Structures are given as C-alpha cells and as structure tokens.
Amino acid sequence: MEAVLDVRGVDFAYRPAEPVLRDVSFSVAEREIVGLIGPNGSGKSTLLRILDGLLKPAAGEVLLRGRPISRIGREELARTIAAVPQEQPVPFPYRVREVVMMGRSPHLQRFHFEGARDIEIVAGALEMTGIAELADRKMGELSGGERQKVWIARALAQEPEVMLLDECTVFLDIRHQLLFFDLLRSLHRSRGIAVLFVTHDVNLAARYAERLVMLDRGEVRASGTVWDVLTEQNIRDVYGTDVLVDRHPATGGPRITTLAAL
C-alpha cells in the first residue's frame, strides 16, 4: 500500500547538543493502524508534533503523500492530518457541538460561517462517536471518557486522511480504554483513516496496532509486526524490565506479563 506518511531520517533537539530524536525513519500506509511505543523521554510526543507540522526537524523530512509537510500550508495540512491530544483545556464554556464544529475550520473560507454540509458532517461525527445526545452539553459537565470522544469527533469533522493520537487513554479506566480503542478501530475500518497512536501500554498496543514502532532514547529500536517488536529482549533492553511474552488465549496476539524491573 502507498505510504500516506513517510518519515525520513528525522533529527530534532530543543537545545543544542541534547538531541531528542536521531535519524528516525518509518512510514504509515493507507488504512493502517500503527502504534508508537517507548519509555518516558523517548521522543514520542515530540515526534507527533513534528508529524503535525508544529515542530520543524533539524534534519530529515516528513512526507505527506510524497510532499514535504514543510511546503504544505497549515490549513491544507489540517484538512489531511488531525491530532487528538491526551487532554485539552477548554477555557470557555463551549458546548459539545461547538467544539466538534471547530474541526470544520480548515474547510471554511475566511470570515464565512458554517453551511448545511458542515452541520451535516458534525452531526455525523457526533453520531459515529456515540455522543449525539451530548451535543448541547457543556464540556465541563462531561466525564474524561466523554471528553475524549468529543476530541475524536472534532478530528473526524476535519475529514482527515491521518489521525495522530497522543496517549489519549492515559486518564481513562480499563473499560473506557477498551471502548476508546474499539471505537477507534471501528472508525478506522469504516472511514479508511490511517492512524498513528502513542501509548505506554504495550498490551493495548499489541491488541490494536497492525504494526509497531519502538523508540528508545530518540532512536527507532524496532519496527514491524507486533510479534517482531514486542519480544522479551526488546522490552528488556528498552524498558529495563524482565517480561514474559506469550500468545494471548483470546486475541491470539502477544501478551506481555511483567516479571521484574532490572
């Protein structure tokens, strides 16, 4: 399949002589779910900000369907790539429908209000994420799981080809983590959106990703299928933890059991 995102030899540093990313290369194909994993400080969130065009790499480049994102305008980029944060403050008492409508901003002409098609797309995003009944609620009245669905709905309203998700389940309980990823996988299948998600939970990554990229101190330690990446040796070397990796009896994918910190 064609690569929708192609990361080629990316370096980045916030301060000279303190590199955060070094020669990072991988790709995300059309209609693919890729998990980005690695310990704290490995550069995952920084890499997502580069992919979203918010940071400029010191070396290397990121291609969006063969075009360097550095040459793509912000509005055009926002029509193709949607980012879903861990948690995003809402400084004003916006209602859910208003927040989701913000996803239409890249498609609206300057000083123009939303039209019938924008309203229809927002209604569809609310329906797909199961929060249509919350449309007139204020964001401050929602639970953490409900707010995360709003951010996904806003991203869907952008009509993107790629979704970037940065630790979106970190504040959710186990049930809502599974519901979140089940929703994400359902939307991926129905809409054909390529997804790159960051998570600290290697078992969630094993369950929902089609491929994994493992970062270690700013470098790609492993990339490939979940079985290629989630080996006992890789996890021991990167996370400093002794684990057992076996086959999950229900999903058939890797199951990681922590044994001891090294």
C-alpha atoms as a PDB file:
ATOM      1  CA  MET A   1       0.000   0.000   0.000  1.00  0.00           C
ATOM      2  CA  GLU A   2       1.055   3.578  -0.623  1.00  0.00           C
ATOM      3  CA  ALA A   3       2.603   5.433   2.322  1.00  0.00           C
ATOM      4  CA  VAL A   4       0.430   8.336   3.395  1.00  0.00           C
ATOM      5  CA  LEU A   5       3.085   9.444   5.919  1.00  0.00           C
ATOM      6  CA  ASP A   6       6.776   8.857   5.298  1.00  0.00           C
ATOM      7  CA  VAL A   7       9.293   9.839   7.983  1.00  0.00           C
ATOM      8  CA  ARG A   8      12.835  10.013   6.648  1.00  0.00           C
ATOM      9  CA  GLY A   9      15.900  10.456   8.840  1.00  0.00           C
ATOM     10  CA  VAL A  10      14.351  12.948  11.250  1.00  0.00           C
ATOM     11  CA  ASP A  11      16.560  14.614  13.871  1.00  0.00           C
ATOM     12  CA  PHE A  12      15.322  17.090  16.463  1.00  0.00           C
ATOM     13  CA  ALA A  13      16.665  18.877  19.543  1.00  0.00           C
ATOM     14  CA  TYR A  14      15.120  21.505  21.803  1.00  0.00           C
ATOM     15  CA  ARG A  15      18.625  22.523  22.881  1.00  0.00           C
ATOM     16  CA  PRO A  16      21.949  22.207  21.046  1.00  0.00           C
ATOM     17  CA  ALA A  17      23.877  19.041  21.872  1.00  0.00           C
ATOM     18  CA  GLU A  18      20.776  17.491  23.515  1.00  0.00           C
ATOM     19  CA  PRO A  19      19.109  15.509  20.711  1.00  0.00           C
ATOM     20  CA  VAL A  20      15.573  14.280  21.299  1.00  0.00           C
ATOM     21  CA  LEU A  21      15.226  12.387  18.011  1.00  0.00           C
ATOM     22  CA  ARG A  22      18.007  10.845  15.927  1.00  0.00           C
ATOM     23  CA  ASP A  23      17.626   9.523  12.389  1.00  0.00           C
ATOM     24  CA  VAL A  24      14.009   8.412  12.870  1.00  0.00           C
ATOM     25  CA  SER A  25      12.563   6.693   9.804  1.00  0.00           C
ATOM     26  CA  PHE A  26       9.317   4.765   9.289  1.00  0.00           C
ATOM     27  CA  SER A  27       6.103   5.023   7.297  1.00  0.00           C
ATOM     28  CA  VAL A  28       2.348   4.765   7.811  1.00  0.00           C
ATOM     29  CA  ALA A  29       0.408   3.274   4.922  1.00  0.00           C
ATOM     30  CA  GLU A  30      -3.135   3.999   3.850  1.00  0.00           C
ATOM     31  CA  ARG A  31      -5.806   2.393   6.055  1.00  0.00           C
ATOM     32  CA  GLU A  32      -3.196   1.247   8.597  1.00  0.00           C
ATOM     33  CA  ILE A  33      -3.095   1.464  12.408  1.00  0.00           C
ATOM     34  CA  VAL A  34       0.447   1.946  13.718  1.00  0.00           C
ATOM     35  CA  GLY A  35       1.371   2.091  17.403  1.00  0.00           C
ATOM     36  CA  LEU A  36       4.263   4.239  18.605  1.00  0.00           C
ATOM     37  CA  ILE A  37       5.689   2.911  21.864  1.00  0.00           C
ATOM     38  CA  GLY A  38       8.689   3.525  24.095  1.00  0.00           C
ATOM     39  CA  PRO A  39       9.553   4.605  27.651  1.00  0.00           C
ATOM     40  CA  ASN A  40       9.204   8.125  29.043  1.00  0.00           C
ATOM     41  CA  GLY A  41      11.545  10.568  27.353  1.00  0.00           C
ATOM     42  CA  SER A  42      11.973   8.517  24.195  1.00  0.00           C
ATOM     43  CA  GLY A  43      10.626  11.315  21.967  1.00  0.00           C
ATOM     44  CA  LYS A  44       7.148  10.021  21.113  1.00  0.00           C
ATOM     45  CA  SER A  45       5.177  13.217  21.736  1.00  0.00           C
ATOM     46  CA  THR A  46       7.853  15.348  20.082  1.00  0.00           C
ATOM     47  CA  LEU A  47       7.659  13.144  17.004  1.00  0.00           C
ATOM     48  CA  LEU A  48       3.872  13.547  16.808  1.00  0.00           C
ATOM     49  CA  ARG A  49       4.262  17.334  16.946  1.00  0.00           C
ATOM     50  CA  ILE A  50       6.695  17.138  14.032  1.00  0.00           C
ATOM     51  CA  LEU A  51       4.255  14.984  12.057  1.00  0.00           C
ATOM     52  CA  ASP A  52       1.508  17.511  12.747  1.00  0.00           C
ATOM     53  CA  GLY A  53       3.711  20.316  11.443  1.00  0.00           C
ATOM     54  CA  LEU A  54       4.015  22.064  14.818  1.00  0.00           C
ATOM     55  CA  LEU A  55       7.767  21.488  15.083  1.00  0.00           C
ATOM     56  CA  LYS A  56      10.397  21.580  12.352  1.00  0.00           C
ATOM     57  CA  PRO A  57      13.050  18.834  12.313  1.00  0.00           C
ATOM     58  CA  ALA A  58      16.718  19.821  12.404  1.00  0.00           C
ATOM     59  CA  ALA A  59      17.411  17.231   9.713  1.00  0.00           C
ATOM     60  CA  GLY A  60      15.415  14.836   7.583  1.00  0.00           C
ATOM     61  CA  GLU A  61      11.859  15.325   6.396  1.00  0.00           C
ATOM     62  CA  VAL A  62       8.284  14.132   6.690  1.00  0.00           C
ATOM     63  CA  LEU A  63       6.360  13.458   3.501  1.00  0.00           C
ATOM     64  CA  LEU A  64       2.582  13.511   3.210  1.00  0.00           C
ATOM     65  CA  ARG A  65       1.688  11.510   0.106  1.00  0.00           C
ATOM     66  CA  GLY A  66       5.123  12.310  -1.275  1.00  0.00           C
ATOM     67  CA  ARG A  67       5.035  16.046  -0.460  1.00  0.00           C
ATOM     68  CA  PRO A  68       7.232  17.546   2.293  1.00  0.00           C
ATOM     69  CA  ILE A  69       4.923  18.862   5.005  1.00  0.00           C
ATOM     70  CA  SER A  70       7.239  21.856   5.341  1.00  0.00           C
ATOM     71  CA  ARG A  71       5.849  23.000   1.972  1.00  0.00           C
ATOM     72  CA  ILE A  72       2.198  22.445   2.854  1.00  0.00           C
ATOM     73  CA  GLY A  73       0.190  25.320   4.306  1.00  0.00           C
ATOM     74  CA  ARG A  74      -1.269  24.976   7.783  1.00  0.00           C
ATOM     75  CA  GLU A  75      -4.891  24.911   6.627  1.00  0.00           C
ATOM     76  CA  GLU A  76      -4.222  22.323   3.921  1.00  0.00           C
ATOM     77  CA  LEU A  77      -2.320  20.192   6.424  1.00  0.00           C
ATOM     78  CA  ALA A  78      -5.228  20.412   8.867  1.00  0.00           C
ATOM     79  CA  ARG A  79      -7.556  19.103   6.167  1.00  0.00           C
ATOM     80  CA  THR A  80      -5.414  15.962   5.930  1.00  0.00           C
ATOM     81  CA  ILE A  81      -3.977  15.351   9.414  1.00  0.00           C
ATOM     82  CA  ALA A  82      -6.000  15.530  12.647  1.00  0.00           C
ATOM     83  CA  ALA A  83      -4.376  15.340  16.083  1.00  0.00           C
ATOM     84  CA  VAL A  84      -6.172  14.108  19.200  1.00  0.00           C
ATOM     85  CA  PRO A  85      -4.435  15.192  22.435  1.00  0.00           C
ATOM     86  CA  GLN A  86      -4.204  13.490  25.845  1.00  0.00           C
ATOM     87  CA  GLU A  87      -6.412  16.158  27.343  1.00  0.00           C
ATOM     88  CA  GLN A  88      -7.048  19.656  26.133  1.00  0.00           C
ATOM     89  CA  PRO A  89      -8.253  22.507  28.322  1.00  0.00           C
ATOM     90  CA  VAL A  90     -11.396  24.315  27.222  1.00  0.00           C
ATOM     91  CA  PRO A  91     -11.056  27.884  28.557  1.00  0.00           C
ATOM     92  CA  PHE A  92     -14.625  28.866  27.677  1.00  0.00           C
ATOM     93  CA  PRO A  93     -17.892  27.032  28.432  1.00  0.00           C
ATOM     94  CA  TYR A  94     -18.266  25.655  24.915  1.00  0.00           C
ATOM     95  CA  ARG A  95     -20.910  23.084  24.190  1.00  0.00           C
ATOM     96  CA  VAL A  96     -20.003  19.769  22.607  1.00  0.00           C
ATOM     97  CA  ARG A  97     -21.473  20.669  19.216  1.00  0.00           C
ATOM     98  CA  GLU A  98     -19.425  23.886  19.142  1.00  0.00           C
ATOM     99  CA  VAL A  99     -16.176  22.062  19.897  1.00  0.00           C
ATOM    100  CA  VAL A 100     -16.812  19.477  17.186  1.00  0.00           C
ATOM    101  CA  MET A 101     -17.674  22.252  14.717  1.00  0.00           C
ATOM    102  CA  MET A 102     -14.163  23.645  15.302  1.00  0.00           C
ATOM    103  CA  GLY A 103     -12.944  20.694  13.256  1.00  0.00           C
ATOM    104  CA  ARG A 104     -14.558  22.287  10.202  1.00  0.00           C
ATOM    105  CA  SER A 105     -12.352  25.406  10.471  1.00  0.00           C
ATOM    106  CA  PRO A 106      -9.773  24.261   7.864  1.00  0.00           C
ATOM    107  CA  HIS A 107     -12.591  23.825   5.328  1.00  0.00           C
ATOM    108  CA  LEU A 108     -14.261  27.212   5.832  1.00  0.00           C
ATOM    109  CA  GLN A 109     -13.348  30.297   3.884  1.00  0.00           C
ATOM    110  CA  ARG A 110     -12.127  33.202   5.959  1.00  0.00           C
ATOM    111  CA  PHE A 111     -14.940  35.169   7.652  1.00  0.00           C
ATOM    112  CA  HIS A 112     -17.513  32.627   6.427  1.00  0.00           C
ATOM    113  CA  PHE A 113     -19.876  30.749   8.708  1.00  0.00           C
ATOM    114  CA  GLU A 114     -20.530  27.030   8.523  1.00  0.00           C
ATOM    115  CA  GLY A 115     -23.089  25.847   5.994  1.00  0.00           C
ATOM    116  CA  ALA A 116     -25.526  22.975   5.713  1.00  0.00           C
ATOM    117  CA  ARG A 117     -22.820  20.497   4.706  1.00  0.00           C
ATOM    118  CA  ASP A 118     -20.659  21.440   7.716  1.00  0.00           C
ATOM    119  CA  ILE A 119     -23.622  20.964  10.048  1.00  0.00           C
ATOM    120  CA  GLU A 120     -24.315  17.580   8.445  1.00  0.00           C
ATOM    121  CA  ILE A 121     -20.685  16.456   8.843  1.00  0.00           C
ATOM    122  CA  VAL A 122     -20.643  17.492  12.508  1.00  0.00           C
ATOM    123  CA  ALA A 123     -23.893  15.630  13.135  1.00  0.00           C
ATOM    124  CA  GLY A 124     -22.373  12.545  11.504  1.00  0.00           C
ATOM    125  CA  ALA A 125     -19.226  12.797  13.653  1.00  0.00           C
ATOM    126  CA  LEU A 126     -21.336  13.076  16.802  1.00  0.00           C
ATOM    127  CA  GLU A 127     -23.369  10.047  15.741  1.00  0.00           C
ATOM    128  CA  MET A 128     -20.325   7.939  14.833  1.00  0.00           C
ATOM    129  CA  THR A 129     -18.691   8.563  18.196  1.00  0.00           C
ATOM    130  CA  GLY A 130     -21.907   7.871  20.103  1.00  0.00           C
ATOM    131  CA  ILE A 131     -22.232  11.313  21.675  1.00  0.00           C
ATOM    132  CA  ALA A 132     -25.106  12.818  19.694  1.00  0.00           C
ATOM    133  CA  GLU A 133     -27.166  13.026  22.882  1.00  0.00           C
ATOM    134  CA  LEU A 134     -24.396  15.139  24.469  1.00  0.00           C
ATOM    135  CA  ALA A 135     -24.346  17.730  21.674  1.00  0.00           C
ATOM    136  CA  ASP A 136     -25.824  20.538  23.790  1.00  0.00           C
ATOM    137  CA  ARG A 137     -23.919  19.703  26.982  1.00  0.00           C
ATOM    138  CA  LYS A 138     -21.064  21.919  28.147  1.00  0.00           C
ATOM    139  CA  MET A 139     -17.597  20.378  28.034  1.00  0.00           C
ATOM    140  CA  GLY A 140     -17.092  20.942  31.755  1.00  0.00           C
ATOM    141  CA  GLU A 141     -20.048  18.665  32.502  1.00  0.00           C
ATOM    142  CA  LEU A 142     -18.539  15.626  30.766  1.00  0.00           C
ATOM    143  CA  SER A 143     -16.526  12.711  32.095  1.00  0.00           C
ATOM    144  CA  GLY A 144     -12.987  12.066  30.868  1.00  0.00           C
ATOM    145  CA  GLY A 145     -14.162   9.333  28.516  1.00  0.00           C
ATOM    146  CA  GLU A 146     -16.890  11.546  27.079  1.00  0.00           C
ATOM    147  CA  ARG A 147     -14.442  14.412  26.507  1.00  0.00           C
ATOM    148  CA  GLN A 148     -12.096  12.087  24.618  1.00  0.00           C
ATOM    149  CA  LYS A 149     -14.964  11.118  22.324  1.00  0.00           C
ATOM    150  CA  VAL A 150     -15.560  14.816  21.668  1.00  0.00           C
ATOM    151  CA  TRP A 151     -11.928  15.259  20.583  1.00  0.00           C
ATOM    152  CA  ILE A 152     -12.259  12.267  18.246  1.00  0.00           C
ATOM    153  CA  ALA A 153     -15.496  13.707  16.847  1.00  0.00           C
ATOM    154  CA  ARG A 154     -13.765  17.035  16.252  1.00  0.00           C
ATOM    155  CA  ALA A 155     -10.932  15.225  14.465  1.00  0.00           C
ATOM    156  CA  LEU A 156     -13.435  13.316  12.315  1.00  0.00           C
ATOM    157  CA  ALA A 157     -15.132  16.597  11.399  1.00  0.00           C
ATOM    158  CA  GLN A 158     -11.840  17.633   9.794  1.00  0.00           C
ATOM    159  CA  GLU A 159     -12.355  14.742   7.326  1.00  0.00           C
ATOM    160  CA  PRO A 160      -8.680  13.762   7.658  1.00  0.00           C
ATOM    161  CA  GLU A 161      -6.720  11.029   5.960  1.00  0.00           C
ATOM    162  CA  VAL A 162      -4.493  10.585   9.030  1.00  0.00           C
ATOM    163  CA  MET A 163      -5.216  10.722  12.761  1.00  0.00           C
ATOM    164  CA  LEU A 164      -2.457  11.224  15.337  1.00  0.00           C
ATOM    165  CA  LEU A 165      -3.312  10.267  18.925  1.00  0.00           C
ATOM    166  CA  ASP A 166      -1.058  11.094  21.863  1.00  0.00           C
ATOM    167  CA  GLU A 167      -1.705   8.928  24.944  1.00  0.00           C
ATOM    168  CA  CYS A 168      -5.440   9.505  24.628  1.00  0.00           C
ATOM    169  CA  THR A 169      -6.380   6.851  27.196  1.00  0.00           C
ATOM    170  CA  VAL A 170      -3.899   7.785  29.906  1.00  0.00           C
ATOM    171  CA  PHE A 171      -6.609   9.166  32.239  1.00  0.00           C
ATOM    172  CA  LEU A 172      -9.231   6.513  31.469  1.00  0.00           C
ATOM    173  CA  ASP A 173     -10.081   3.354  33.390  1.00  0.00           C
ATOM    174  CA  ILE A 174      -9.665  -0.078  31.797  1.00  0.00           C
ATOM    175  CA  ARG A 175     -13.226  -0.272  30.472  1.00  0.00           C
ATOM    176  CA  HIS A 176     -13.069   3.150  28.847  1.00  0.00           C
ATOM    177  CA  GLN A 177      -9.617   2.419  27.407  1.00  0.00           C
ATOM    178  CA  LEU A 178     -11.041  -0.610  25.606  1.00  0.00           C
ATOM    179  CA  LEU A 179     -14.145   1.306  24.496  1.00  0.00           C
ATOM    180  CA  PHE A 180     -11.922   4.100  23.167  1.00  0.00           C
ATOM    181  CA  PHE A 181      -9.761   1.766  21.093  1.00  0.00           C
ATOM    182  CA  ASP A 182     -12.749  -0.268  19.919  1.00  0.00           C
ATOM    183  CA  LEU A 183     -14.294   2.982  18.679  1.00  0.00           C
ATOM    184  CA  LEU A 184     -11.028   3.984  17.030  1.00  0.00           C
ATOM    185  CA  ARG A 185     -10.725   0.635  15.239  1.00  0.00           C
ATOM    186  CA  SER A 186     -14.363   0.800  14.107  1.00  0.00           C
ATOM    187  CA  LEU A 187     -13.877   4.308  12.700  1.00  0.00           C
ATOM    188  CA  HIS A 188     -10.636   3.243  11.052  1.00  0.00           C
ATOM    189  CA  ARG A 189     -12.409   0.393   9.278  1.00  0.00           C
ATOM    190  CA  SER A 190     -15.483   2.382   8.266  1.00  0.00           C
ATOM    191  CA  ARG A 191     -13.694   5.574   7.199  1.00  0.00           C
ATOM    192  CA  GLY A 192     -10.366   4.145   5.993  1.00  0.00           C
ATOM    193  CA  ILE A 193      -8.342   6.614   8.066  1.00  0.00           C
ATOM    194  CA  ALA A 194      -4.672   5.874   8.731  1.00  0.00           C
ATOM    195  CA  VAL A 195      -3.956   6.025  12.474  1.00  0.00           C
ATOM    196  CA  LEU A 196      -0.745   6.562  14.418  1.00  0.00           C
ATOM    197  CA  PHE A 197      -1.246   6.310  18.174  1.00  0.00           C
ATOM    198  CA  VAL A 198       1.136   6.747  21.101  1.00  0.00           C
ATOM    199  CA  THR A 199       0.678   4.583  24.181  1.00  0.00           C
ATOM    200  CA  HIS A 200       2.647   3.444  27.198  1.00  0.00           C
ATOM    201  CA  ASP A 201       0.515   0.303  27.461  1.00  0.00           C
ATOM    202  CA  VAL A 202       2.273  -2.364  25.406  1.00  0.00           C
ATOM    203  CA  ASN A 203      -0.641  -4.784  25.811  1.00  0.00           C
ATOM    204  CA  LEU A 204      -3.057  -2.253  24.322  1.00  0.00           C
ATOM    205  CA  ALA A 205      -0.562  -1.674  21.515  1.00  0.00           C
ATOM    206  CA  ALA A 206      -0.339  -5.426  20.897  1.00  0.00           C
ATOM    207  CA  ARG A 207      -4.120  -5.716  20.754  1.00  0.00           C
ATOM    208  CA  TYR A 208      -4.965  -2.821  18.446  1.00  0.00           C
ATOM    209  CA  ALA A 209      -1.942  -1.994  16.274  1.00  0.00           C
ATOM    210  CA  GLU A 210      -1.220  -3.628  12.937  1.00  0.00           C
ATOM    211  CA  ARG A 211       2.409  -2.505  13.131  1.00  0.00           C
ATOM    212  CA  LEU A 212       4.570  -1.011  15.869  1.00  0.00           C
ATOM    213  CA  VAL A 213       7.449   1.450  16.028  1.00  0.00           C
ATOM    214  CA  MET A 214       9.501   1.260  19.245  1.00  0.00           C
ATOM    215  CA  LEU A 215      11.523   4.334  20.192  1.00  0.00           C
ATOM    216  CA  ASP A 216      14.422   4.241  22.630  1.00  0.00           C
ATOM    217  CA  ARG A 217      16.182   7.490  23.596  1.00  0.00           C
ATOM    218  CA  GLY A 218      15.125   9.142  20.388  1.00  0.00           C
ATOM    219  CA  GLU A 219      16.031   6.311  18.025  1.00  0.00           C
ATOM    220  CA  VAL A 220      13.975   3.580  16.384  1.00  0.00           C
ATOM    221  CA  ARG A 221      14.910   0.396  18.232  1.00  0.00           C
ATOM    222  CA  ALA A 222      12.460  -1.856  16.378  1.00  0.00           C
ATOM    223  CA  SER A 223       9.775  -1.562  13.716  1.00  0.00           C
ATOM    224  CA  GLY A 224       7.482  -4.197  12.262  1.00  0.00           C
ATOM    225  CA  THR A 225       4.644  -6.509  13.274  1.00  0.00           C
ATOM    226  CA  VAL A 226       3.615  -6.739  16.910  1.00  0.00           C
ATOM    227  CA  TRP A 227       5.436 -10.072  17.170  1.00  0.00           C
ATOM    228  CA  ASP A 228       8.590  -8.607  15.619  1.00  0.00           C
ATOM    229  CA  VAL A 229       8.692  -5.665  18.020  1.00  0.00           C
ATOM    230  CA  LEU A 230       7.289  -6.997  21.290  1.00  0.00           C
ATOM    231  CA  THR A 231       9.992  -9.520  22.033  1.00  0.00           C
ATOM    232  CA  GLU A 232      11.268 -10.233  25.522  1.00  0.00           C
ATOM    233  CA  GLN A 233      14.730  -8.991  24.500  1.00  0.00           C
ATOM    234  CA  ASN A 234      13.468  -5.709  23.019  1.00  0.00           C
ATOM    235  CA  ILE A 235      11.334  -4.928  26.066  1.00  0.00           C
ATOM    236  CA  ARG A 236      14.167  -5.859  28.425  1.00  0.00           C
ATOM    237  CA  ASP A 237      16.642  -3.636  26.580  1.00  0.00           C
ATOM    238  CA  VAL A 238      14.351  -0.631  26.071  1.00  0.00           C
ATOM    239  CA  TYR A 239      12.203  -0.620  29.222  1.00  0.00           C
ATOM    240  CA  GLY A 240      14.671  -2.185  31.637  1.00  0.00           C
ATOM    241  CA  THR A 241      12.054  -4.727  32.646  1.00  0.00           C
ATOM    242  CA  ASP A 242      12.092  -8.519  32.603  1.00  0.00           C
ATOM    243  CA  VAL A 243       8.899  -9.812  30.961  1.00  0.00           C
ATOM    244  CA  LEU A 244       7.260 -12.945  29.652  1.00  0.00           C
ATOM    245  CA  VAL A 245       5.785 -12.717  26.149  1.00  0.00           C
ATOM    246  CA  ASP A 246       3.317 -15.425  25.168  1.00  0.00           C
ATOM    247  CA  ARG A 247       0.213 -15.758  22.990  1.00  0.00           C
ATOM    248  CA  HIS A 248      -2.980 -14.273  24.384  1.00  0.00           C
ATOM    249  CA  PRO A 249      -5.588 -17.062  24.512  1.00  0.00           C
ATOM    250  CA  ALA A 250      -8.427 -14.766  23.381  1.00  0.00           C
ATOM    251  CA  THR A 251      -6.872 -12.381  20.839  1.00  0.00           C
ATOM    252  CA  GLY A 252      -4.039 -14.584  19.537  1.00  0.00           C
ATOM    253  CA  GLY A 253      -1.649 -11.630  19.753  1.00  0.00           C
ATOM    254  CA  PRO A 254       1.298 -11.093  22.082  1.00  0.00           C
ATOM    255  CA  ARG A 255       0.596 -10.908  25.803  1.00  0.00           C
ATOM    256  CA  ILE A 256       3.213  -9.186  27.957  1.00  0.00           C
ATOM    257  CA  THR A 257       3.486 -10.105  31.627  1.00  0.00           C
ATOM    258  CA  THR A 258       5.863  -8.056  33.788  1.00  0.00           C
ATOM    259  CA  LEU A 259       8.181 -10.160  35.913  1.00  0.00           C
ATOM    260  CA  ALA A 260      10.689  -7.745  37.471  1.00  0.00           C
ATOM    261  CA  ALA A 261      12.396  -4.406  36.976  1.00  0.00           C
ATOM    262  CA  LEU A 262      16.087  -4.787  36.133  1.00  0.00           C
END
